[in-house]
Amino acid sequence: MSQFKVSALMFDLDGTLLNTAPEIAYAANAMLTELGLPPLPYAQIKGYIGEGAQVLIQRCLAGALHDVPDQTLQATAQHLFFAHYANNVTDSLPFDGVQDGLAVLKQRNLKLACVTNKPEKFTRPLLEASGLADFFEIVVSGDTLPKKKPDPIQLHHICAEFDVMEMEAMLVGDSATDIAAAQAAGCFIVTVPYGYNQGKPIDESQVDAMIRDLTELPSILM
């Protein structure tokens, strides 16, 4: 496996650091039930994760309705989803190897950031409850800036805050959304195989490396 010289590491949240799918699926189906719509299978909702709450909600509604939801329904559904998700968001747990891998990287004095499309009101409590918050100097959520992944603005922002060049930074993620953002920003992209990626396997030809879990990450860094 190749080795990379980087000063900063950025980590996606859902599907990379934390297994958030069970809690998201529960909240999404509770939302659908309140709207009088049929619940969706867990695997289907899991495949909708990765591009932010609004996209997830729209896909859930479209999946239940077999049609495109109107704006009024979308707004009502978002309110319901956020209310249900607020009740269980902090129940999500880190994937195996996450805490051990981050601890090694922190000991090596690398700059660490979390970058997610999740709204900040869920991101911060989730990182705190999972014991991961103290690893990260910077946290950029889906509503921190005007745009989010796959747009590269979040990654450019983190690099600027860390005062590092994009070519000195790496994004660790689990999806085509992460790959597109990193490539657009000019950062290295490393992926894990256990995440969500809209239910599709990662195209390994599009990434700089794939690791089994975060405990492998230190071994590919110079």
C-alpha atoms as a PDB file:
ATOM      1  CA  MET A   1       0.000   0.000   0.000  1.00  0.00           C
ATOM      2  CA  SER A   2       1.221   3.522  -0.829  1.00  0.00           C
ATOM      3  CA  GLN A   3       2.355   5.927   1.853  1.00  0.00           C
ATOM      4  CA  PHE A   4       1.263   9.542   2.086  1.00  0.00           C
ATOM      5  CA  LYS A   5       2.827  12.610   3.616  1.00  0.00           C
ATOM      6  CA  VAL A   6       0.090  14.771   5.104  1.00  0.00           C
ATOM      7  CA  SER A   7      -0.223  17.340   7.875  1.00  0.00           C
ATOM      8  CA  ALA A   8      -4.005  17.300   8.255  1.00  0.00           C
ATOM      9  CA  LEU A   9      -6.633  14.579   8.273  1.00  0.00           C
ATOM     10  CA  MET A  10     -10.343  15.192   7.770  1.00  0.00           C
ATOM     11  CA  PHE A  11     -12.928  12.564   8.660  1.00  0.00           C
ATOM     12  CA  ASP A  12     -16.455  12.072   7.426  1.00  0.00           C
ATOM     13  CA  LEU A  13     -18.887  11.255  10.240  1.00  0.00           C
ATOM     14  CA  ASP A  14     -21.810   9.024   9.161  1.00  0.00           C
ATOM     15  CA  GLY A  15     -20.558   5.667   7.941  1.00  0.00           C
ATOM     16  CA  THR A  16     -16.895   6.474   8.594  1.00  0.00           C
ATOM     17  CA  LEU A  17     -16.579   7.320  12.280  1.00  0.00           C
ATOM     18  CA  LEU A  18     -20.014   6.406  13.596  1.00  0.00           C
ATOM     19  CA  ASN A  19     -22.681   3.855  12.735  1.00  0.00           C
ATOM     20  CA  THR A  20     -25.578   6.304  12.614  1.00  0.00           C
ATOM     21  CA  ALA A  21     -27.827   4.332  10.258  1.00  0.00           C
ATOM     22  CA  PRO A  22     -29.953   2.568  12.927  1.00  0.00           C
ATOM     23  CA  GLU A  23     -30.923   5.832  14.611  1.00  0.00           C
ATOM     24  CA  ILE A  24     -31.499   7.646  11.322  1.00  0.00           C
ATOM     25  CA  ALA A  25     -33.686   4.822  10.006  1.00  0.00           C
ATOM     26  CA  TYR A  26     -35.756   4.766  13.201  1.00  0.00           C
ATOM     27  CA  ALA A  27     -36.333   8.534  13.034  1.00  0.00           C
ATOM     28  CA  ALA A  28     -37.161   8.390   9.318  1.00  0.00           C
ATOM     29  CA  ASN A  29     -39.750   5.643   9.782  1.00  0.00           C
ATOM     30  CA  ALA A  30     -41.265   7.451  12.780  1.00  0.00           C
ATOM     31  CA  MET A  31     -41.577  10.491  10.505  1.00  0.00           C
ATOM     32  CA  LEU A  32     -43.277   8.447   7.777  1.00  0.00           C
ATOM     33  CA  THR A  33     -45.668   6.857  10.281  1.00  0.00           C
ATOM     34  CA  GLU A  34     -46.775  10.277  11.574  1.00  0.00           C
ATOM     35  CA  LEU A  35     -47.414  11.320   7.993  1.00  0.00           C
ATOM     36  CA  GLY A  36     -49.568   8.238   7.414  1.00  0.00           C
ATOM     37  CA  LEU A  37     -47.054   6.743   5.002  1.00  0.00           C
ATOM     38  CA  PRO A  38     -45.683   3.186   5.006  1.00  0.00           C
ATOM     39  CA  PRO A  39     -42.312   2.589   6.669  1.00  0.00           C
ATOM     40  CA  LEU A  40     -39.302   1.727   4.528  1.00  0.00           C
ATOM     41  CA  PRO A  41     -36.847  -1.166   4.945  1.00  0.00           C
ATOM     42  CA  TYR A  42     -33.731  -0.401   6.964  1.00  0.00           C
ATOM     43  CA  ALA A  43     -31.403  -1.172   4.041  1.00  0.00           C
ATOM     44  CA  GLN A  44     -33.278   1.258   1.795  1.00  0.00           C
ATOM     45  CA  ILE A  45     -32.984   4.146   4.253  1.00  0.00           C
ATOM     46  CA  LYS A  46     -29.333   3.286   4.907  1.00  0.00           C
ATOM     47  CA  GLY A  47     -28.740   3.734   1.189  1.00  0.00           C
ATOM     48  CA  TYR A  48     -30.131   7.271   1.372  1.00  0.00           C
ATOM     49  CA  ILE A  49     -27.548   8.477   3.932  1.00  0.00           C
ATOM     50  CA  GLY A  50     -24.628  10.705   2.999  1.00  0.00           C
ATOM     51  CA  GLU A  51     -25.835  13.880   1.317  1.00  0.00           C
ATOM     52  CA  GLY A  52     -27.480  15.630   4.249  1.00  0.00           C
ATOM     53  CA  ALA A  53     -30.817  15.518   6.036  1.00  0.00           C
ATOM     54  CA  GLN A  54     -32.848  17.286   3.359  1.00  0.00           C
ATOM     55  CA  VAL A  55     -31.819  14.820   0.671  1.00  0.00           C
ATOM     56  CA  LEU A  56     -32.426  11.877   3.021  1.00  0.00           C
ATOM     57  CA  ILE A  57     -35.932  13.119   3.878  1.00  0.00           C
ATOM     58  CA  GLN A  58     -36.786  13.776   0.235  1.00  0.00           C
ATOM     59  CA  ARG A  59     -35.640  10.284  -0.736  1.00  0.00           C
ATOM     60  CA  CYS A  60     -37.625   8.683   2.085  1.00  0.00           C
ATOM     61  CA  LEU A  61     -40.775  10.531   1.046  1.00  0.00           C
ATOM     62  CA  ALA A  62     -40.257   9.661  -2.607  1.00  0.00           C
ATOM     63  CA  GLY A  63     -39.657   6.029  -1.661  1.00  0.00           C
ATOM     64  CA  ALA A  64     -42.859   5.836   0.369  1.00  0.00           C
ATOM     65  CA  LEU A  65     -44.988   7.864  -2.040  1.00  0.00           C
ATOM     66  CA  HIS A  66     -43.436   6.554  -5.271  1.00  0.00           C
ATOM     67  CA  ASP A  67     -43.595  10.185  -6.344  1.00  0.00           C
ATOM     68  CA  VAL A  68     -41.774  13.481  -5.784  1.00  0.00           C
ATOM     69  CA  PRO A  69     -42.977  15.186  -2.559  1.00  0.00           C
ATOM     70  CA  ASP A  70     -44.190  18.782  -2.695  1.00  0.00           C
ATOM     71  CA  GLN A  71     -42.482  21.526  -0.692  1.00  0.00           C
ATOM     72  CA  THR A  72     -45.169  21.674   2.007  1.00  0.00           C
ATOM     73  CA  LEU A  73     -44.888  17.963   2.720  1.00  0.00           C
ATOM     74  CA  GLN A  74     -41.096  18.185   2.634  1.00  0.00           C
ATOM     75  CA  ALA A  75     -41.126  20.969   5.248  1.00  0.00           C
ATOM     76  CA  THR A  76     -43.541  19.082   7.524  1.00  0.00           C
ATOM     77  CA  ALA A  77     -41.510  15.903   7.171  1.00  0.00           C
ATOM     78  CA  GLN A  78     -38.260  17.701   8.001  1.00  0.00           C
ATOM     79  CA  HIS A  79     -39.762  19.085  11.214  1.00  0.00           C
ATOM     80  CA  LEU A  80     -40.939  15.610  12.225  1.00  0.00           C
ATOM     81  CA  PHE A  81     -37.667  13.912  11.325  1.00  0.00           C
ATOM     82  CA  PHE A  82     -35.592  16.419  13.294  1.00  0.00           C
ATOM     83  CA  ALA A  83     -37.887  15.994  16.318  1.00  0.00           C
ATOM     84  CA  HIS A  84     -37.565  12.202  16.286  1.00  0.00           C
ATOM     85  CA  TYR A  85     -33.840  12.206  15.517  1.00  0.00           C
ATOM     86  CA  ALA A  86     -33.158  14.589  18.396  1.00  0.00           C
ATOM     87  CA  ASN A  87     -34.405  11.870  20.753  1.00  0.00           C
ATOM     88  CA  ASN A  88     -31.948   9.190  19.650  1.00  0.00           C
ATOM     89  CA  VAL A  89     -29.075  10.910  17.817  1.00  0.00           C
ATOM     90  CA  THR A  90     -26.655  10.369  20.692  1.00  0.00           C
ATOM     91  CA  ASP A  91     -27.260   6.598  20.741  1.00  0.00           C
ATOM     92  CA  SER A  92     -24.973   5.991  17.731  1.00  0.00           C
ATOM     93  CA  LEU A  93     -21.694   4.195  18.404  1.00  0.00           C
ATOM     94  CA  PRO A  94     -18.242   4.385  16.766  1.00  0.00           C
ATOM     95  CA  PHE A  95     -17.226   1.672  14.346  1.00  0.00           C
ATOM     96  CA  ASP A  96     -14.560  -0.773  15.480  1.00  0.00           C
ATOM     97  CA  GLY A  97     -11.089   0.740  15.381  1.00  0.00           C
ATOM     98  CA  VAL A  98     -12.209   4.365  15.303  1.00  0.00           C
ATOM     99  CA  GLN A  99     -11.163   5.424  18.786  1.00  0.00           C
ATOM    100  CA  ASP A 100      -7.899   3.473  18.704  1.00  0.00           C
ATOM    101  CA  GLY A 101      -6.987   4.843  15.274  1.00  0.00           C
ATOM    102  CA  LEU A 102      -7.767   8.444  16.194  1.00  0.00           C
ATOM    103  CA  ALA A 103      -5.775   8.116  19.420  1.00  0.00           C
ATOM    104  CA  VAL A 104      -2.637   7.066  17.500  1.00  0.00           C
ATOM    105  CA  LEU A 105      -3.052   9.910  15.006  1.00  0.00           C
ATOM    106  CA  LYS A 106      -3.524  12.410  17.821  1.00  0.00           C
ATOM    107  CA  GLN A 107      -0.348  11.161  19.507  1.00  0.00           C
ATOM    108  CA  ARG A 108       1.518  11.849  16.256  1.00  0.00           C
ATOM    109  CA  ASN A 109       0.437  15.504  16.462  1.00  0.00           C
ATOM    110  CA  LEU A 110      -1.472  15.452  13.201  1.00  0.00           C
ATOM    111  CA  LYS A 111      -4.187  18.059  12.711  1.00  0.00           C
ATOM    112  CA  LEU A 112      -7.587  16.345  12.842  1.00  0.00           C
ATOM    113  CA  ALA A 113     -10.962  17.646  11.680  1.00  0.00           C
ATOM    114  CA  CYS A 114     -14.448  16.221  11.301  1.00  0.00           C
ATOM    115  CA  VAL A 115     -16.379  17.231   8.176  1.00  0.00           C
ATOM    116  CA  THR A 116     -19.988  16.150   7.725  1.00  0.00           C
ATOM    117  CA  ASN A 117     -23.168  17.004   5.862  1.00  0.00           C
ATOM    118  CA  LYS A 118     -25.120  16.498   9.088  1.00  0.00           C
ATOM    119  CA  PRO A 119     -26.632  19.672  10.668  1.00  0.00           C
ATOM    120  CA  GLU A 120     -24.518  21.140  13.477  1.00  0.00           C
ATOM    121  CA  LYS A 121     -27.286  20.720  16.070  1.00  0.00           C
ATOM    122  CA  PHE A 122     -26.847  16.948  15.674  1.00  0.00           C
ATOM    123  CA  THR A 123     -23.111  16.836  14.964  1.00  0.00           C
ATOM    124  CA  ARG A 124     -21.854  18.347  18.214  1.00  0.00           C
ATOM    125  CA  PRO A 125     -23.997  16.277  20.629  1.00  0.00           C
ATOM    126  CA  LEU A 126     -23.156  13.133  18.678  1.00  0.00           C
ATOM    127  CA  LEU A 127     -19.402  13.697  18.848  1.00  0.00           C
ATOM    128  CA  GLU A 128     -19.609  14.498  22.550  1.00  0.00           C
ATOM    129  CA  ALA A 129     -21.741  11.482  23.425  1.00  0.00           C
ATOM    130  CA  SER A 130     -19.560   9.093  21.417  1.00  0.00           C
ATOM    131  CA  GLY A 131     -16.358  10.286  23.089  1.00  0.00           C
ATOM    132  CA  LEU A 132     -14.849  11.555  19.829  1.00  0.00           C
ATOM    133  CA  ALA A 133     -15.168  15.325  20.240  1.00  0.00           C
ATOM    134  CA  ASP A 134     -11.776  15.863  21.878  1.00  0.00           C
ATOM    135  CA  PHE A 135      -9.919  14.337  18.949  1.00  0.00           C
ATOM    136  CA  PHE A 136     -10.903  17.156  16.585  1.00  0.00           C
ATOM    137  CA  GLU A 137      -9.569  20.709  16.481  1.00  0.00           C
ATOM    138  CA  ILE A 138     -12.138  21.677  13.846  1.00  0.00           C
ATOM    139  CA  VAL A 139     -15.678  20.433  13.181  1.00  0.00           C
ATOM    140  CA  VAL A 140     -17.462  21.560  10.008  1.00  0.00           C
ATOM    141  CA  SER A 141     -21.110  20.550   9.683  1.00  0.00           C
ATOM    142  CA  GLY A 142     -23.494  20.600   6.763  1.00  0.00           C
ATOM    143  CA  ASP A 143     -24.852  24.028   7.668  1.00  0.00           C
ATOM    144  CA  THR A 144     -21.566  25.672   8.731  1.00  0.00           C
ATOM    145  CA  LEU A 145     -20.927  27.037   5.225  1.00  0.00           C
ATOM    146  CA  PRO A 146     -23.145  27.897   2.225  1.00  0.00           C
ATOM    147  CA  LYS A 147     -22.422  24.548   0.550  1.00  0.00           C
ATOM    148  CA  LYS A 148     -21.445  21.022   1.610  1.00  0.00           C
ATOM    149  CA  LYS A 149     -19.933  17.863   0.149  1.00  0.00           C
ATOM    150  CA  PRO A 150     -19.601  17.005  -2.709  1.00  0.00           C
ATOM    151  CA  ASP A 151     -18.754  20.704  -3.060  1.00  0.00           C
ATOM    152  CA  PRO A 152     -15.143  21.186  -1.875  1.00  0.00           C
ATOM    153  CA  ILE A 153     -15.814  24.359   0.151  1.00  0.00           C
ATOM    154  CA  GLN A 154     -15.758  22.557   3.512  1.00  0.00           C
ATOM    155  CA  LEU A 155     -12.377  20.984   2.765  1.00  0.00           C
ATOM    156  CA  HIS A 156     -10.906  24.290   1.529  1.00  0.00           C
ATOM    157  CA  HIS A 157     -12.170  25.938   4.717  1.00  0.00           C
ATOM    158  CA  ILE A 158     -10.526  23.353   6.962  1.00  0.00           C
ATOM    159  CA  CYS A 159      -7.218  23.566   5.097  1.00  0.00           C
ATOM    160  CA  ALA A 160      -7.280  27.347   5.427  1.00  0.00           C
ATOM    161  CA  GLU A 161      -8.008  27.128   9.158  1.00  0.00           C
ATOM    162  CA  PHE A 162      -5.163  24.637   9.620  1.00  0.00           C
ATOM    163  CA  ASP A 163      -2.885  26.711   7.349  1.00  0.00           C
ATOM    164  CA  VAL A 164      -2.014  23.714   5.192  1.00  0.00           C
ATOM    165  CA  MET A 165      -2.107  23.199   1.439  1.00  0.00           C
ATOM    166  CA  GLU A 166      -4.800  20.912   0.085  1.00  0.00           C
ATOM    167  CA  MET A 167      -2.093  18.577  -1.225  1.00  0.00           C
ATOM    168  CA  GLU A 168      -0.991  18.155   2.399  1.00  0.00           C
ATOM    169  CA  ALA A 169      -4.447  17.065   3.534  1.00  0.00           C
ATOM    170  CA  MET A 170      -6.393  13.821   3.380  1.00  0.00           C
ATOM    171  CA  LEU A 171     -10.108  13.089   3.621  1.00  0.00           C
ATOM    172  CA  VAL A 172     -11.137   9.742   5.079  1.00  0.00           C
ATOM    173  CA  GLY A 173     -14.664   8.813   4.036  1.00  0.00           C
ATOM    174  CA  ASP A 174     -17.042   6.103   2.912  1.00  0.00           C
ATOM    175  CA  SER A 175     -18.836   7.362  -0.173  1.00  0.00           C
ATOM    176  CA  ALA A 176     -18.775   8.759  -3.689  1.00  0.00           C
ATOM    177  CA  THR A 177     -19.777  12.081  -2.109  1.00  0.00           C
ATOM    178  CA  ASP A 178     -16.521  12.118  -0.133  1.00  0.00           C
ATOM    179  CA  ILE A 179     -14.503  11.069  -3.172  1.00  0.00           C
ATOM    180  CA  ALA A 180     -15.956  13.874  -5.292  1.00  0.00           C
ATOM    181  CA  ALA A 181     -15.311  16.489  -2.593  1.00  0.00           C
ATOM    182  CA  ALA A 182     -11.700  15.425  -2.057  1.00  0.00           C
ATOM    183  CA  GLN A 183     -10.931  15.268  -5.757  1.00  0.00           C
ATOM    184  CA  ALA A 184     -12.459  18.698  -6.329  1.00  0.00           C
ATOM    185  CA  ALA A 185     -10.451  20.134  -3.432  1.00  0.00           C
ATOM    186  CA  GLY A 186      -7.165  18.514  -4.461  1.00  0.00           C
ATOM    187  CA  CYS A 187      -6.826  16.405  -1.296  1.00  0.00           C
ATOM    188  CA  PHE A 188      -5.932  12.751  -0.910  1.00  0.00           C
ATOM    189  CA  ILE A 189      -8.939  10.489  -0.455  1.00  0.00           C
ATOM    190  CA  VAL A 190      -8.896   7.265   1.579  1.00  0.00           C
ATOM    191  CA  THR A 191     -12.032   5.212   2.112  1.00  0.00           C
ATOM    192  CA  VAL A 192     -13.327   2.539   4.462  1.00  0.00           C
ATOM    193  CA  PRO A 193     -15.393  -0.372   3.101  1.00  0.00           C
ATOM    194  CA  TYR A 194     -17.980  -0.635   5.876  1.00  0.00           C
ATOM    195  CA  GLY A 195     -19.833   2.637   5.306  1.00  0.00           C
ATOM    196  CA  TYR A 196     -22.982   3.542   3.402  1.00  0.00           C
ATOM    197  CA  ASN A 197     -22.232   4.975  -0.090  1.00  0.00           C
ATOM    198  CA  GLN A 198     -25.870   4.814  -1.145  1.00  0.00           C
ATOM    199  CA  GLY A 199     -25.720   1.001  -0.950  1.00  0.00           C
ATOM    200  CA  LYS A 200     -23.017   0.663  -3.631  1.00  0.00           C
ATOM    201  CA  PRO A 201     -19.426  -0.593  -3.338  1.00  0.00           C
ATOM    202  CA  ILE A 202     -16.642   1.981  -3.454  1.00  0.00           C
ATOM    203  CA  ASP A 203     -14.941   2.356  -6.844  1.00  0.00           C
ATOM    204  CA  GLU A 204     -11.378   1.648  -5.743  1.00  0.00           C
ATOM    205  CA  SER A 205      -9.998   3.164  -8.963  1.00  0.00           C
ATOM    206  CA  GLN A 206     -11.187   6.572  -7.723  1.00  0.00           C
ATOM    207  CA  VAL A 207      -9.423   6.545  -4.341  1.00  0.00           C
ATOM    208  CA  ASP A 208      -5.807   6.849  -3.225  1.00  0.00           C
ATOM    209  CA  ALA A 209      -6.164   3.967  -0.769  1.00  0.00           C
ATOM    210  CA  MET A 210      -8.759   1.825   0.981  1.00  0.00           C
ATOM    211  CA  ILE A 211      -8.249   0.708   4.571  1.00  0.00           C
ATOM    212  CA  ARG A 212     -10.091  -1.970   6.565  1.00  0.00           C
ATOM    213  CA  ASP A 213     -10.610   0.393   9.498  1.00  0.00           C
ATOM    214  CA  LEU A 214      -8.990   3.416  11.111  1.00  0.00           C
ATOM    215  CA  THR A 215      -6.336   1.379  12.924  1.00  0.00           C
ATOM    216  CA  GLU A 216      -4.727   0.845   9.489  1.00  0.00           C
ATOM    217  CA  LEU A 217      -4.549   4.549   8.727  1.00  0.00           C
ATOM    218  CA  PRO A 218      -1.323   5.364  10.668  1.00  0.00           C
ATOM    219  CA  SER A 219       0.557   2.689   8.714  1.00  0.00           C
ATOM    220  CA  ILE A 220       0.000   4.461   5.379  1.00  0.00           C
ATOM    221  CA  LEU A 221       1.149   7.847   6.640  1.00  0.00           C
ATOM    222  CA  MET A 222       4.801   8.892   6.506  1.00  0.00           C
END
